[in-house]
Amino acid sequence: MRNVRTPFAFLLLASAVETPIYAALDFTTLQGADGVQLSVVQTGNRQGPAILFIHGFSQSYLCWEKQLSDPRLKMRFHLIALDLRGHGASGKPSDAAAYGGEAWAGDIAAVIAATSERRPLVVAWSMGGSVLSSYIKRNGISHISGINLIGSSFVWTSVQFGPRDPYYRARVTMFEQMQSNDILVNMTGTRAFVSMLTAKPLAAQEADILLTYNMLTPAYVRRIIVAKSSAQHDFDDVTPQVTVPVLITFGTDDKLAPYQNAINTKRALPAARLSAYQGIGHAPFLEAPERFNRELEEFAVAASVRQ
């Protein structure tokens, strides 16, 4: 495993933002499943309980900036985040077989083995929940101390957003554009995607940063992931294996995932806690970071006591 202090994502964004977070991050590259190179970042208290962050579709470790730079979280926890394969500064294989359950599971297993001496709490956002589900199905739950699902679910509802939903046509157009090889068309769709992540518009600079690292995911990677996601969900038979504490974080005004998914997961896991963010969208950790970080800290402390 080699140290990398100036990853491509950092160089691309350096002119867009200046923040103390970058000086405190330790970047490494490790081998995931099939030898794919994964970019991993660590910060915080290496002696403390570990928290592993798994981002969503077309994102990067940078979506967790408000958590990786939080003084209280850094003081108490060993914070770990990765760029999933196909995203950010990680390898981007073009073979469709390089994406899916086996690959996701192998990558997460590799990151946990390389970074965590103790069982980490896993924070999984959106598609990150499917990635985590793939890991649990193939590796069990013994190497995880707890799970925080954000805008994600272990139980998909059959009542998905339909044509009557006001954002239906916009989402269809957006995802089509995000898969285009025409960079201008792709950027138009990606900009719409970024705007749908939150219920209220982000500040211009923050939205520009999100657009930049979302564009690091190539159109061919997006096409592969969307096609596989449409074909099947990798969530079946996971809940019986989930014997660790679970916190379900969900915005009530989520434009990308039905809130019913949160309710269904809570029903399947009665011991789980459901934290509803009223008036918040798909990314509560971006829109309400103070509350999110406080709840994550409390949950992580409780989970670590159980180890």
Protein backbone atom coordinates (compact mmCIF):
# COMPACT_ATOMS: atom_id res chain seq x y z
CA MET A 1 0.00 0.00 0.00
CA ARG A 2 1.59 3.27 -1.06
CA ASN A 3 1.01 6.76 0.23
CA VAL A 4 -0.43 9.34 -2.14
CA ARG A 5 -0.47 12.91 -0.89
CA THR A 6 -1.83 14.65 -3.99
CA PRO A 7 -4.53 12.54 -5.66
CA PHE A 8 -6.07 13.62 -8.96
CA ALA A 9 -9.32 14.67 -7.29
CA PHE A 10 -7.42 16.98 -4.96
CA LEU A 11 -5.48 18.59 -7.79
CA LEU A 12 -8.65 19.14 -9.78
CA LEU A 13 -10.40 20.83 -6.88
CA ALA A 14 -7.49 22.77 -5.38
CA SER A 15 -8.30 25.91 -7.31
CA ALA A 16 -12.00 25.69 -6.40
CA VAL A 17 -11.80 25.64 -2.63
CA GLU A 18 -9.35 26.21 0.21
CA THR A 19 -10.13 24.43 3.48
CA PRO A 20 -8.05 22.97 6.33
CA ILE A 21 -9.42 19.48 5.67
CA TYR A 22 -6.84 18.68 3.00
CA ALA A 23 -3.83 19.20 5.26
CA ALA A 24 -5.21 16.67 7.76
CA LEU A 25 -6.02 13.84 5.36
CA ASP A 26 -3.83 10.82 4.71
CA PHE A 27 -4.36 9.38 1.22
CA THR A 28 -3.42 5.82 0.38
CA THR A 29 -3.97 3.51 -2.57
CA LEU A 30 -4.72 -0.17 -2.06
CA GLN A 31 -5.79 -3.10 -4.18
CA GLY A 32 -9.45 -4.03 -4.21
CA ALA A 33 -11.11 -6.98 -5.88
CA ASP A 34 -9.46 -8.08 -9.14
CA GLY A 35 -6.51 -5.78 -8.40
CA VAL A 36 -8.46 -2.55 -9.03
CA GLN A 37 -6.73 0.38 -7.35
CA LEU A 38 -8.82 2.08 -4.67
CA SER A 39 -8.15 5.57 -3.35
CA VAL A 40 -8.69 5.66 0.43
CA VAL A 41 -8.50 8.60 2.82
CA GLN A 42 -8.04 8.47 6.60
CA THR A 43 -8.09 11.14 9.29
CA GLY A 44 -8.90 11.61 12.96
CA ASN A 45 -7.91 9.54 15.98
CA ARG A 46 -6.19 6.34 14.82
CA GLN A 47 -6.60 4.88 18.31
CA GLY A 48 -10.34 5.51 18.38
CA PRO A 49 -13.24 3.44 17.02
CA ALA A 50 -13.33 3.36 13.22
CA ILE A 51 -16.05 4.82 11.01
CA LEU A 52 -16.03 3.81 7.33
CA PHE A 53 -17.94 6.04 4.91
CA ILE A 54 -19.28 4.59 1.62
CA HIS A 55 -20.56 7.17 -0.86
CA GLY A 56 -23.31 6.93 -3.46
CA PHE A 57 -23.62 6.88 -7.24
CA SER A 58 -21.20 9.16 -9.12
CA GLN A 59 -19.77 10.62 -5.90
CA SER A 60 -16.39 10.66 -4.12
CA TYR A 61 -14.95 10.70 -0.62
CA LEU A 62 -15.32 14.49 -0.90
CA CYS A 63 -19.06 14.26 -0.29
CA TRP A 64 -18.11 13.54 3.37
CA GLU A 65 -16.08 16.75 3.78
CA LYS A 66 -18.36 18.05 6.56
CA GLN A 67 -17.81 14.84 8.51
CA LEU A 68 -14.09 14.37 7.81
CA SER A 69 -13.41 17.93 8.97
CA ASP A 70 -15.65 17.88 12.05
CA PRO A 71 -13.44 18.49 15.15
CA ARG A 72 -15.47 16.27 17.51
CA LEU A 73 -15.63 13.35 15.10
CA LYS A 74 -11.90 13.65 14.37
CA MET A 75 -11.06 13.77 18.07
CA ARG A 76 -13.00 10.61 18.95
CA PHE A 77 -12.91 8.44 15.84
CA HIS A 78 -10.70 7.01 13.14
CA LEU A 79 -12.47 8.28 10.01
CA ILE A 80 -12.07 6.36 6.76
CA ALA A 81 -13.56 7.04 3.34
CA LEU A 82 -12.92 5.65 -0.12
CA ASP A 83 -13.63 6.40 -3.73
CA LEU A 84 -15.54 3.38 -4.99
CA ARG A 85 -14.20 1.78 -8.16
CA GLY A 86 -15.25 3.84 -11.16
CA HIS A 87 -15.37 6.98 -9.03
CA GLY A 88 -13.07 9.79 -7.91
CA ALA A 89 -9.39 8.87 -7.93
CA SER A 90 -9.94 5.09 -7.90
CA GLY A 91 -9.47 2.75 -10.86
CA LYS A 92 -12.17 2.82 -13.54
CA PRO A 93 -12.30 -0.52 -15.38
CA SER A 94 -14.39 -0.55 -18.55
CA ASP A 95 -15.50 -4.19 -18.30
CA ALA A 96 -19.08 -4.50 -17.03
CA ALA A 97 -18.06 -7.61 -15.08
CA ALA A 98 -15.85 -5.40 -12.90
CA TYR A 99 -18.93 -3.86 -11.29
CA GLY A 100 -21.55 -5.52 -9.14
CA GLY A 101 -21.92 -7.59 -5.99
CA GLU A 102 -18.68 -9.58 -6.00
CA ALA A 103 -16.54 -6.56 -6.84
CA TRP A 104 -18.21 -4.25 -4.30
CA ALA A 105 -17.92 -6.89 -1.58
CA GLY A 106 -14.27 -7.53 -2.32
CA ASP A 107 -13.42 -3.84 -2.31
CA ILE A 108 -15.07 -3.16 1.06
CA ALA A 109 -13.44 -6.26 2.56
CA ALA A 110 -10.04 -5.02 1.35
CA VAL A 111 -10.55 -1.54 2.81
CA ILE A 112 -11.68 -2.89 6.19
CA ALA A 113 -8.76 -5.32 6.36
CA ALA A 114 -6.21 -2.63 5.47
CA THR A 115 -7.45 0.20 7.67
CA SER A 116 -9.35 -1.10 10.70
CA GLU A 117 -7.87 -3.02 13.61
CA ARG A 118 -11.30 -3.00 15.23
CA ARG A 119 -14.71 -3.50 13.67
CA PRO A 120 -15.76 -0.25 11.96
CA LEU A 121 -19.14 1.39 12.02
CA VAL A 122 -20.19 1.64 8.38
CA VAL A 123 -21.97 4.74 7.06
CA ALA A 124 -23.55 3.96 3.67
CA TRP A 125 -25.29 6.56 1.53
CA SER A 126 -27.72 5.80 -1.30
CA MET A 127 -26.01 3.31 -3.67
CA GLY A 128 -23.51 2.78 -0.86
CA GLY A 129 -26.24 0.79 0.87
CA SER A 130 -26.27 -1.65 -2.05
CA VAL A 131 -22.48 -1.86 -1.88
CA LEU A 132 -22.68 -2.65 1.84
CA SER A 133 -25.47 -5.14 1.21
CA SER A 134 -23.24 -6.93 -1.28
CA TYR A 135 -20.48 -7.09 1.31
CA ILE A 136 -22.78 -8.48 4.04
CA LYS A 137 -24.24 -11.14 1.74
CA ARG A 138 -20.80 -12.49 0.95
CA ASN A 139 -18.84 -11.78 4.14
CA GLY A 140 -21.39 -11.67 6.92
CA ILE A 141 -21.61 -9.07 9.65
CA SER A 142 -18.83 -10.14 12.00
CA HIS A 143 -16.39 -7.41 10.89
CA ILE A 144 -18.89 -4.55 11.32
CA SER A 145 -19.92 -2.91 14.62
CA GLY A 146 -22.94 -0.97 13.34
CA ILE A 147 -24.62 0.48 10.25
CA ASN A 148 -25.87 3.96 9.42
CA LEU A 149 -27.98 3.87 6.25
CA ILE A 150 -28.55 7.28 4.63
CA GLY A 151 -31.18 7.70 1.91
CA SER A 152 -30.86 3.96 1.42
CA SER A 153 -32.63 0.78 2.41
CA PHE A 154 -32.28 -2.95 2.89
CA VAL A 155 -35.92 -3.34 1.79
CA TRP A 156 -37.00 -1.69 -1.45
CA THR A 157 -40.61 -0.63 -1.74
CA SER A 158 -42.70 -1.65 -4.72
CA VAL A 159 -44.20 1.84 -4.66
CA GLN A 160 -41.52 3.73 -6.54
CA PHE A 161 -41.79 7.25 -7.86
CA GLY A 162 -44.10 7.14 -10.90
CA PRO A 163 -45.18 9.42 -13.74
CA ARG A 164 -47.43 11.40 -11.40
CA ASP A 165 -44.45 12.47 -9.34
CA PRO A 166 -43.41 16.04 -10.28
CA TYR A 167 -39.74 15.02 -10.58
CA TYR A 168 -40.34 11.86 -12.63
CA ARG A 169 -39.61 13.27 -16.09
CA ALA A 170 -36.71 15.35 -14.79
CA ARG A 171 -35.10 12.22 -13.28
CA VAL A 172 -35.52 10.20 -16.48
CA THR A 173 -33.94 12.97 -18.56
CA MET A 174 -31.22 13.55 -15.99
CA PHE A 175 -30.03 9.93 -15.87
CA GLU A 176 -30.12 9.67 -19.66
CA GLN A 177 -27.94 12.76 -19.95
CA MET A 178 -25.53 11.56 -17.26
CA GLN A 179 -24.77 8.52 -19.42
CA SER A 180 -23.99 10.55 -22.56
CA ASN A 181 -20.51 10.67 -24.10
CA ASP A 182 -21.22 14.28 -25.09
CA ILE A 183 -19.52 16.13 -22.24
CA LEU A 184 -21.85 19.15 -22.39
CA VAL A 185 -24.94 16.93 -22.30
CA ASN A 186 -23.38 14.85 -19.55
CA MET A 187 -22.59 17.95 -17.51
CA THR A 188 -26.16 19.23 -17.91
CA GLY A 189 -27.51 15.99 -16.49
CA THR A 190 -24.92 15.89 -13.73
CA ARG A 191 -25.75 19.45 -12.71
CA ALA A 192 -29.43 18.46 -12.47
CA PHE A 193 -28.45 15.41 -10.42
CA VAL A 194 -26.47 17.56 -7.98
CA SER A 195 -29.43 19.91 -7.59
CA MET A 196 -31.69 16.94 -6.73
CA LEU A 197 -29.48 15.73 -3.90
CA THR A 198 -30.85 18.36 -1.53
CA ALA A 199 -34.28 19.83 -0.86
CA LYS A 200 -32.90 23.38 -0.84
CA PRO A 201 -30.24 24.68 -3.23
CA LEU A 202 -26.66 24.46 -2.04
CA ALA A 203 -24.39 27.48 -2.00
CA ALA A 204 -22.90 28.11 -5.46
CA GLN A 205 -19.34 27.12 -4.50
CA GLU A 206 -20.46 23.91 -2.80
CA ALA A 207 -22.61 22.98 -5.80
CA ASP A 208 -19.65 23.60 -8.13
CA ILE A 209 -17.43 21.30 -6.07
CA LEU A 210 -20.06 18.56 -6.15
CA LEU A 211 -20.40 18.97 -9.92
CA THR A 212 -16.63 18.70 -10.34
CA TYR A 213 -16.14 15.43 -8.48
CA ASN A 214 -19.34 13.94 -9.88
CA MET A 215 -17.89 14.49 -13.35
CA LEU A 216 -14.94 12.26 -12.45
CA THR A 217 -17.22 9.23 -12.93
CA PRO A 218 -17.09 8.39 -16.66
CA ALA A 219 -20.23 7.92 -18.75
CA TYR A 220 -19.40 4.25 -19.37
CA VAL A 221 -19.20 3.56 -15.62
CA ARG A 222 -22.55 5.23 -15.09
CA ARG A 223 -24.09 3.19 -17.92
CA ILE A 224 -22.86 -0.07 -16.41
CA ILE A 225 -24.04 0.74 -12.89
CA VAL A 226 -27.46 2.04 -14.02
CA ALA A 227 -28.02 -1.03 -16.20
CA LYS A 228 -27.14 -3.41 -13.36
CA SER A 229 -29.22 -1.47 -10.85
CA SER A 230 -32.22 -1.64 -13.17
CA ALA A 231 -31.80 -5.37 -13.63
CA GLN A 232 -31.75 -6.32 -9.96
CA HIS A 233 -31.25 -5.10 -6.41
CA ASP A 234 -28.62 -6.79 -4.27
CA PHE A 235 -30.61 -6.38 -1.05
CA ASP A 236 -32.48 -9.69 -0.84
CA ASP A 237 -31.90 -11.85 2.22
CA VAL A 238 -29.68 -9.29 3.94
CA THR A 239 -31.82 -8.28 6.90
CA PRO A 240 -31.63 -11.69 8.66
CA GLN A 241 -27.85 -11.24 8.81
CA VAL A 242 -28.01 -7.72 10.27
CA THR A 243 -27.50 -8.31 13.99
CA VAL A 244 -25.65 -5.07 14.76
CA PRO A 245 -27.17 -1.68 15.70
CA VAL A 246 -28.69 0.18 12.75
CA LEU A 247 -29.48 3.88 12.35
CA ILE A 248 -31.66 4.79 9.36
CA THR A 249 -31.18 8.43 8.32
CA PHE A 250 -33.68 9.66 5.73
CA GLY A 251 -34.89 13.02 4.47
CA THR A 252 -38.66 13.31 4.17
CA ASP A 253 -38.28 15.44 1.01
CA ASP A 254 -35.96 13.01 -0.79
CA LYS A 255 -36.38 13.42 -4.56
CA LEU A 256 -34.30 10.34 -5.45
CA ALA A 257 -35.46 7.63 -3.03
CA PRO A 258 -38.99 7.08 -1.64
CA TYR A 259 -39.23 7.67 2.11
CA GLN A 260 -41.28 4.46 2.24
CA ASN A 261 -37.97 2.60 1.88
CA ALA A 262 -36.93 3.87 5.30
CA ILE A 263 -40.20 2.71 6.82
CA ASN A 264 -39.85 -0.73 5.23
CA THR A 265 -36.32 -1.18 6.56
CA LYS A 266 -37.47 -0.14 10.03
CA ARG A 267 -40.24 -2.74 9.89
CA ALA A 268 -37.78 -5.43 8.83
CA LEU A 269 -35.34 -4.39 11.57
CA PRO A 270 -37.54 -3.42 14.56
CA ALA A 271 -34.53 -2.66 16.76
CA ALA A 272 -33.22 -0.10 14.27
CA ARG A 273 -33.63 3.61 14.92
CA LEU A 274 -35.24 5.75 12.22
CA SER A 275 -34.16 9.39 12.20
CA ALA A 276 -36.42 11.41 9.90
CA TYR A 277 -35.13 14.75 8.65
CA GLN A 278 -38.16 16.92 7.96
CA GLY A 279 -37.83 19.11 4.89
CA ILE A 280 -34.45 17.59 3.99
CA GLY A 281 -33.55 15.76 0.80
CA HIS A 282 -31.34 12.85 -0.23
CA ALA A 283 -28.18 14.03 1.55
CA PRO A 284 -28.90 15.01 5.19
CA PHE A 285 -25.18 15.06 5.96
CA LEU A 286 -24.85 17.94 3.47
CA GLU A 287 -28.00 19.85 4.35
CA ALA A 288 -28.04 19.36 8.12
CA PRO A 289 -24.44 18.48 9.04
CA GLU A 290 -24.61 19.66 12.66
CA ARG A 291 -27.51 17.36 13.50
CA PHE A 292 -26.13 14.55 11.36
CA ASN A 293 -22.69 14.67 12.96
CA ARG A 294 -24.17 14.78 16.45
CA GLU A 295 -26.36 11.76 15.81
CA LEU A 296 -23.50 9.89 14.15
CA GLU A 297 -21.24 10.58 17.12
CA GLU A 298 -23.84 9.32 19.60
CA PHE A 299 -24.55 6.23 17.53
CA ALA A 300 -20.88 5.44 16.98
CA VAL A 301 -20.07 5.76 20.68
CA ALA A 302 -22.91 3.35 21.56
CA ALA A 303 -21.82 0.89 18.88
CA SER A 304 -18.20 0.97 20.07
CA VAL A 305 -19.23 0.19 23.64
CA ARG A 306 -20.77 -3.06 22.38
CA GLN A 307 -17.47 -4.28 20.93
